[in-house]
Amino acid sequence: MGAWQYSVNLLPANGVIRVHGRIPPSITVPRVTPESIANIDVVCDARPNYWLRLPDSLGVDLVAQLEKWLTETESWSPNARMFGDDDTHDQLSIWRDDNGNLERINMLFSLSNPAPNNLTQLLSMPSLHECLFHGIQSEAVYVPTLDNWIADMHNCSAARYLRGREYPVPREGG
């Protein structure tokens, strides 16, 4: 993740409720530190798979919609499909575990060179209404709406790359 990117994971609401019993306002992000790098598997194993035990149709429908969102690029991992735009630096990665199960969906939005139509297109995806955004830096969990995204994005350190401007998101009807 670049310093200019705002990062969110896409989580299924039902998976979050399965793991936590409710939708919490925040979820701790397991972090790799110089001290924990030797035990990277322990750090990664601390991250629950919210996508397990959900109807296959949710993951299949969502991935099909996301595949059309950004252009697929070469992946550096056999467990991930990666998408992105060299001009805007917005990125999407869809991760699967070693058994092929959907494990994680991560999105990076460039705040140094914003592409507001990417966000608008993402927020209009039908399957998104069954999901939540999880801000990686803030650890906040929220319903994926434009207002919630902007509020959380402004709390991340990447917002400084907007250079005092607002993220130029086209408003509905405007």
C-alpha atoms as a PDB file:
ATOM      1  CA  MET A   1       0.000   0.000   0.000  1.00  0.00           C
ATOM      2  CA  GLY A   2       1.341   3.387  -0.977  1.00  0.00           C
ATOM      3  CA  ALA A   3       1.227   6.337   1.409  1.00  0.00           C
ATOM      4  CA  TRP A   4      -1.213   7.998  -1.027  1.00  0.00           C
ATOM      5  CA  GLN A   5      -3.689   5.089  -0.980  1.00  0.00           C
ATOM      6  CA  TYR A   6      -6.768   4.680   1.186  1.00  0.00           C
ATOM      7  CA  SER A   7      -7.275   0.969   1.820  1.00  0.00           C
ATOM      8  CA  VAL A   8     -10.463  -0.909   2.672  1.00  0.00           C
ATOM      9  CA  ASN A   9     -11.363  -4.560   2.857  1.00  0.00           C
ATOM     10  CA  LEU A  10     -14.754  -5.647   1.641  1.00  0.00           C
ATOM     11  CA  LEU A  11     -16.435  -7.887   4.217  1.00  0.00           C
ATOM     12  CA  PRO A  12     -19.708  -9.811   3.982  1.00  0.00           C
ATOM     13  CA  ALA A  13     -22.094  -8.511   6.667  1.00  0.00           C
ATOM     14  CA  ASN A  14     -23.328 -12.033   7.474  1.00  0.00           C
ATOM     15  CA  GLY A  15     -19.749 -13.266   7.891  1.00  0.00           C
ATOM     16  CA  VAL A  16     -18.959 -10.439  10.307  1.00  0.00           C
ATOM     17  CA  ILE A  17     -22.080 -11.311  12.325  1.00  0.00           C
ATOM     18  CA  ARG A  18     -21.090 -15.019  12.286  1.00  0.00           C
ATOM     19  CA  VAL A  19     -17.635 -14.245  13.686  1.00  0.00           C
ATOM     20  CA  HIS A  20     -18.486 -11.382  16.094  1.00  0.00           C
ATOM     21  CA  GLY A  21     -22.172 -11.978  16.878  1.00  0.00           C
ATOM     22  CA  ARG A  22     -22.963  -8.458  15.629  1.00  0.00           C
ATOM     23  CA  ILE A  23     -21.522  -5.761  13.394  1.00  0.00           C
ATOM     24  CA  PRO A  24     -18.927  -4.057  15.601  1.00  0.00           C
ATOM     25  CA  PRO A  25     -17.952  -0.414  14.981  1.00  0.00           C
ATOM     26  CA  SER A  26     -14.342  -1.535  14.469  1.00  0.00           C
ATOM     27  CA  ILE A  27     -12.306  -4.692  13.914  1.00  0.00           C
ATOM     28  CA  THR A  28      -8.633  -4.861  14.832  1.00  0.00           C
ATOM     29  CA  VAL A  29      -6.356  -5.386  11.844  1.00  0.00           C
ATOM     30  CA  PRO A  30      -3.565  -7.899  12.576  1.00  0.00           C
ATOM     31  CA  ARG A  31      -0.338  -6.005  11.862  1.00  0.00           C
ATOM     32  CA  VAL A  32       3.065  -7.274  10.875  1.00  0.00           C
ATOM     33  CA  THR A  33       5.786  -5.600  12.912  1.00  0.00           C
ATOM     34  CA  PRO A  34       9.560  -6.095  13.008  1.00  0.00           C
ATOM     35  CA  GLU A  35       8.966  -8.226  16.105  1.00  0.00           C
ATOM     36  CA  SER A  36       6.265 -10.396  14.515  1.00  0.00           C
ATOM     37  CA  ILE A  37       7.810 -10.844  11.054  1.00  0.00           C
ATOM     38  CA  ALA A  38       9.468 -14.101  12.139  1.00  0.00           C
ATOM     39  CA  ASN A  39       6.002 -15.459  13.008  1.00  0.00           C
ATOM     40  CA  ILE A  40       4.127 -14.116   9.986  1.00  0.00           C
ATOM     41  CA  ASP A  41       1.870 -17.182   9.831  1.00  0.00           C
ATOM     42  CA  VAL A  42       0.630 -16.468  13.362  1.00  0.00           C
ATOM     43  CA  VAL A  43      -0.240 -12.888  12.367  1.00  0.00           C
ATOM     44  CA  CYS A  44      -2.041 -14.046   9.218  1.00  0.00           C
ATOM     45  CA  ASP A  45      -3.879 -16.817  11.060  1.00  0.00           C
ATOM     46  CA  ALA A  46      -5.233 -14.201  13.510  1.00  0.00           C
ATOM     47  CA  ARG A  47      -7.321 -12.779  10.661  1.00  0.00           C
ATOM     48  CA  PRO A  48     -10.671 -14.608  10.444  1.00  0.00           C
ATOM     49  CA  ASN A  49     -12.096 -15.567   7.069  1.00  0.00           C
ATOM     50  CA  TYR A  50     -15.438 -13.772   7.005  1.00  0.00           C
ATOM     51  CA  TRP A  51     -16.269 -15.323   3.609  1.00  0.00           C
ATOM     52  CA  LEU A  52     -16.404 -18.927   4.859  1.00  0.00           C
ATOM     53  CA  ARG A  53     -19.771 -20.674   5.303  1.00  0.00           C
ATOM     54  CA  LEU A  54     -21.685 -18.111   3.272  1.00  0.00           C
ATOM     55  CA  PRO A  55     -23.830 -18.949   0.263  1.00  0.00           C
ATOM     56  CA  ASP A  56     -21.538 -19.396  -2.727  1.00  0.00           C
ATOM     57  CA  SER A  57     -23.797 -17.097  -4.738  1.00  0.00           C
ATOM     58  CA  LEU A  58     -22.734 -13.993  -2.756  1.00  0.00           C
ATOM     59  CA  GLY A  59     -19.037 -14.485  -3.463  1.00  0.00           C
ATOM     60  CA  VAL A  60     -19.616 -15.546  -7.064  1.00  0.00           C
ATOM     61  CA  ASP A  61     -21.925 -12.589  -7.827  1.00  0.00           C
ATOM     62  CA  LEU A  62     -19.668 -10.090  -6.092  1.00  0.00           C
ATOM     63  CA  VAL A  63     -16.482 -11.335  -7.764  1.00  0.00           C
ATOM     64  CA  ALA A  64     -18.226 -11.270 -11.174  1.00  0.00           C
ATOM     65  CA  GLN A  65     -19.165  -7.625 -10.577  1.00  0.00           C
ATOM     66  CA  LEU A  66     -15.688  -6.710  -9.294  1.00  0.00           C
ATOM     67  CA  GLU A  67     -14.023  -8.347 -12.309  1.00  0.00           C
ATOM     68  CA  LYS A  68     -15.702  -5.696 -14.470  1.00  0.00           C
ATOM     69  CA  TRP A  69     -14.688  -2.819 -12.199  1.00  0.00           C
ATOM     70  CA  LEU A  70     -10.971  -2.490 -13.018  1.00  0.00           C
ATOM     71  CA  THR A  71      -8.676  -4.050 -15.603  1.00  0.00           C
ATOM     72  CA  GLU A  72      -7.033  -7.299 -14.505  1.00  0.00           C
ATOM     73  CA  THR A  73      -3.261  -7.126 -14.151  1.00  0.00           C
ATOM     74  CA  GLU A  74      -0.551  -9.692 -13.519  1.00  0.00           C
ATOM     75  CA  SER A  75      -0.627 -11.054  -9.981  1.00  0.00           C
ATOM     76  CA  TRP A  76       2.476 -11.629  -7.896  1.00  0.00           C
ATOM     77  CA  SER A  77       0.682 -14.363  -5.911  1.00  0.00           C
ATOM     78  CA  PRO A  78      -0.904 -17.613  -7.109  1.00  0.00           C
ATOM     79  CA  ASN A  79      -3.651 -17.037  -4.505  1.00  0.00           C
ATOM     80  CA  ALA A  80      -4.700 -13.608  -5.746  1.00  0.00           C
ATOM     81  CA  ARG A  81      -6.235 -11.989  -8.755  1.00  0.00           C
ATOM     82  CA  MET A  82      -5.202  -8.382  -9.059  1.00  0.00           C
ATOM     83  CA  PHE A  83      -6.819  -5.521 -10.880  1.00  0.00           C
ATOM     84  CA  GLY A  84      -5.825  -1.924 -11.342  1.00  0.00           C
ATOM     85  CA  ASP A  85      -5.323   1.111 -13.455  1.00  0.00           C
ATOM     86  CA  ASP A  86      -1.810   2.402 -14.045  1.00  0.00           C
ATOM     87  CA  ASP A  87      -3.122   5.944 -14.499  1.00  0.00           C
ATOM     88  CA  THR A  88      -5.056   6.214 -11.225  1.00  0.00           C
ATOM     89  CA  HIS A  89      -3.342   3.625  -9.043  1.00  0.00           C
ATOM     90  CA  ASP A  90      -6.706   2.338  -7.743  1.00  0.00           C
ATOM     91  CA  GLN A  91      -6.277  -1.364  -7.103  1.00  0.00           C
ATOM     92  CA  LEU A  92      -8.334  -4.419  -6.252  1.00  0.00           C
ATOM     93  CA  SER A  93      -7.094  -7.785  -5.038  1.00  0.00           C
ATOM     94  CA  ILE A  94      -9.252 -10.867  -4.594  1.00  0.00           C
ATOM     95  CA  TRP A  95      -7.525 -13.443  -2.396  1.00  0.00           C
ATOM     96  CA  ARG A  96      -8.283 -17.144  -2.109  1.00  0.00           C
ATOM     97  CA  ASP A  97      -6.893 -19.567   0.455  1.00  0.00           C
ATOM     98  CA  ASP A  98      -4.937 -22.685  -0.510  1.00  0.00           C
ATOM     99  CA  ASN A  99      -8.234 -24.583  -0.889  1.00  0.00           C
ATOM    100  CA  GLY A 100      -9.654 -22.035  -3.349  1.00  0.00           C
ATOM    101  CA  ASN A 101     -12.081 -20.448  -0.879  1.00  0.00           C
ATOM    102  CA  LEU A 102     -12.636 -16.703  -1.121  1.00  0.00           C
ATOM    103  CA  GLU A 103     -10.567 -15.260   1.721  1.00  0.00           C
ATOM    104  CA  ARG A 104     -10.216 -11.498   1.350  1.00  0.00           C
ATOM    105  CA  ILE A 105     -11.103  -8.638  -0.961  1.00  0.00           C
ATOM    106  CA  ASN A 106      -8.964  -5.518  -0.630  1.00  0.00           C
ATOM    107  CA  MET A 107      -9.322  -2.188  -2.428  1.00  0.00           C
ATOM    108  CA  LEU A 108      -6.817   0.642  -2.588  1.00  0.00           C
ATOM    109  CA  PHE A 109      -7.953   4.089  -3.700  1.00  0.00           C
ATOM    110  CA  SER A 110      -5.394   6.616  -4.893  1.00  0.00           C
ATOM    111  CA  LEU A 111      -5.783   9.967  -3.169  1.00  0.00           C
ATOM    112  CA  SER A 112      -2.845  11.495  -5.045  1.00  0.00           C
ATOM    113  CA  ASN A 113      -4.595  11.000  -8.375  1.00  0.00           C
ATOM    114  CA  PRO A 114      -8.283  10.361  -7.551  1.00  0.00           C
ATOM    115  CA  ALA A 115     -10.557   8.539  -9.992  1.00  0.00           C
ATOM    116  CA  PRO A 116     -14.027   9.338  -8.634  1.00  0.00           C
ATOM    117  CA  ASN A 117     -15.802   7.303 -11.291  1.00  0.00           C
ATOM    118  CA  ASN A 118     -14.131   4.153  -9.932  1.00  0.00           C
ATOM    119  CA  LEU A 119     -15.683   4.763  -6.517  1.00  0.00           C
ATOM    120  CA  THR A 120     -19.072   5.658  -8.004  1.00  0.00           C
ATOM    121  CA  GLN A 121     -19.030   2.479 -10.095  1.00  0.00           C
ATOM    122  CA  LEU A 122     -18.065   0.366  -7.069  1.00  0.00           C
ATOM    123  CA  LEU A 123     -20.774   1.832  -4.847  1.00  0.00           C
ATOM    124  CA  SER A 124     -23.422   1.080  -7.487  1.00  0.00           C
ATOM    125  CA  MET A 125     -22.711  -2.669  -7.575  1.00  0.00           C
ATOM    126  CA  PRO A 126     -25.852  -4.616  -6.566  1.00  0.00           C
ATOM    127  CA  SER A 127     -24.039  -7.187  -4.385  1.00  0.00           C
ATOM    128  CA  LEU A 128     -22.425  -4.425  -2.327  1.00  0.00           C
ATOM    129  CA  HIS A 129     -25.605  -4.056  -0.226  1.00  0.00           C
ATOM    130  CA  GLU A 130     -24.701  -7.350   1.492  1.00  0.00           C
ATOM    131  CA  CYS A 131     -21.213  -6.116   2.406  1.00  0.00           C
ATOM    132  CA  LEU A 132     -19.365  -3.736   4.698  1.00  0.00           C
ATOM    133  CA  PHE A 133     -16.203  -1.704   4.266  1.00  0.00           C
ATOM    134  CA  HIS A 134     -13.408  -2.156   6.798  1.00  0.00           C
ATOM    135  CA  GLY A 135     -10.970   0.764   6.841  1.00  0.00           C
ATOM    136  CA  ILE A 136      -7.493  -0.695   7.210  1.00  0.00           C
ATOM    137  CA  GLN A 137      -5.959   2.322   8.914  1.00  0.00           C
ATOM    138  CA  SER A 138      -8.925   3.339  11.087  1.00  0.00           C
ATOM    139  CA  GLU A 139     -10.144  -0.238  11.641  1.00  0.00           C
ATOM    140  CA  ALA A 140     -13.692   1.184  11.300  1.00  0.00           C
ATOM    141  CA  VAL A 141     -16.449  -1.053   9.949  1.00  0.00           C
ATOM    142  CA  TYR A 142     -19.160   0.741   8.013  1.00  0.00           C
ATOM    143  CA  VAL A 143     -21.910   0.414   5.441  1.00  0.00           C
ATOM    144  CA  PRO A 144     -20.443   1.182   1.999  1.00  0.00           C
ATOM    145  CA  THR A 145     -22.014   4.527   1.197  1.00  0.00           C
ATOM    146  CA  LEU A 146     -20.354   7.572  -0.272  1.00  0.00           C
ATOM    147  CA  ASP A 147     -20.773   9.615   2.922  1.00  0.00           C
ATOM    148  CA  ASN A 148     -19.366   6.854   5.150  1.00  0.00           C
ATOM    149  CA  TRP A 149     -16.446   6.279   2.761  1.00  0.00           C
ATOM    150  CA  ILE A 150     -15.574   9.993   2.670  1.00  0.00           C
ATOM    151  CA  ALA A 151     -15.809  10.320   6.468  1.00  0.00           C
ATOM    152  CA  ASP A 152     -13.465   7.384   7.075  1.00  0.00           C
ATOM    153  CA  MET A 153     -11.126   8.291   4.206  1.00  0.00           C
ATOM    154  CA  HIS A 154     -10.610  11.767   5.681  1.00  0.00           C
ATOM    155  CA  ASN A 155      -9.347  10.145   8.894  1.00  0.00           C
ATOM    156  CA  CYS A 156      -6.535   8.253   7.166  1.00  0.00           C
ATOM    157  CA  SER A 157      -3.033   9.605   6.675  1.00  0.00           C
ATOM    158  CA  ALA A 158      -3.339   9.284   2.874  1.00  0.00           C
ATOM    159  CA  ALA A 159      -5.857  12.163   2.889  1.00  0.00           C
ATOM    160  CA  ARG A 160      -2.921  14.593   2.961  1.00  0.00           C
ATOM    161  CA  TYR A 161      -2.349  13.703  -0.709  1.00  0.00           C
ATOM    162  CA  LEU A 162      -5.595  15.483  -1.531  1.00  0.00           C
ATOM    163  CA  ARG A 163      -3.604  18.651  -0.725  1.00  0.00           C
ATOM    164  CA  GLY A 164      -6.483  20.356   1.086  1.00  0.00           C
ATOM    165  CA  ARG A 165      -9.043  19.512  -1.595  1.00  0.00           C
ATOM    166  CA  GLU A 166     -12.094  17.326  -1.258  1.00  0.00           C
ATOM    167  CA  TYR A 167     -12.109  13.942  -2.972  1.00  0.00           C
ATOM    168  CA  PRO A 168     -13.776  14.837  -6.300  1.00  0.00           C
ATOM    169  CA  VAL A 169     -16.664  12.364  -6.188  1.00  0.00           C
ATOM    170  CA  PRO A 170     -19.527  13.082  -8.562  1.00  0.00           C
ATOM    171  CA  ARG A 171     -22.707  13.469  -6.548  1.00  0.00           C
ATOM    172  CA  GLU A 172     -25.915  11.808  -7.700  1.00  0.00           C
ATOM    173  CA  GLY A 173     -27.830  13.993 -10.095  1.00  0.00           C
ATOM    174  CA  GLY A 174     -24.864  16.312 -10.537  1.00  0.00           C
END
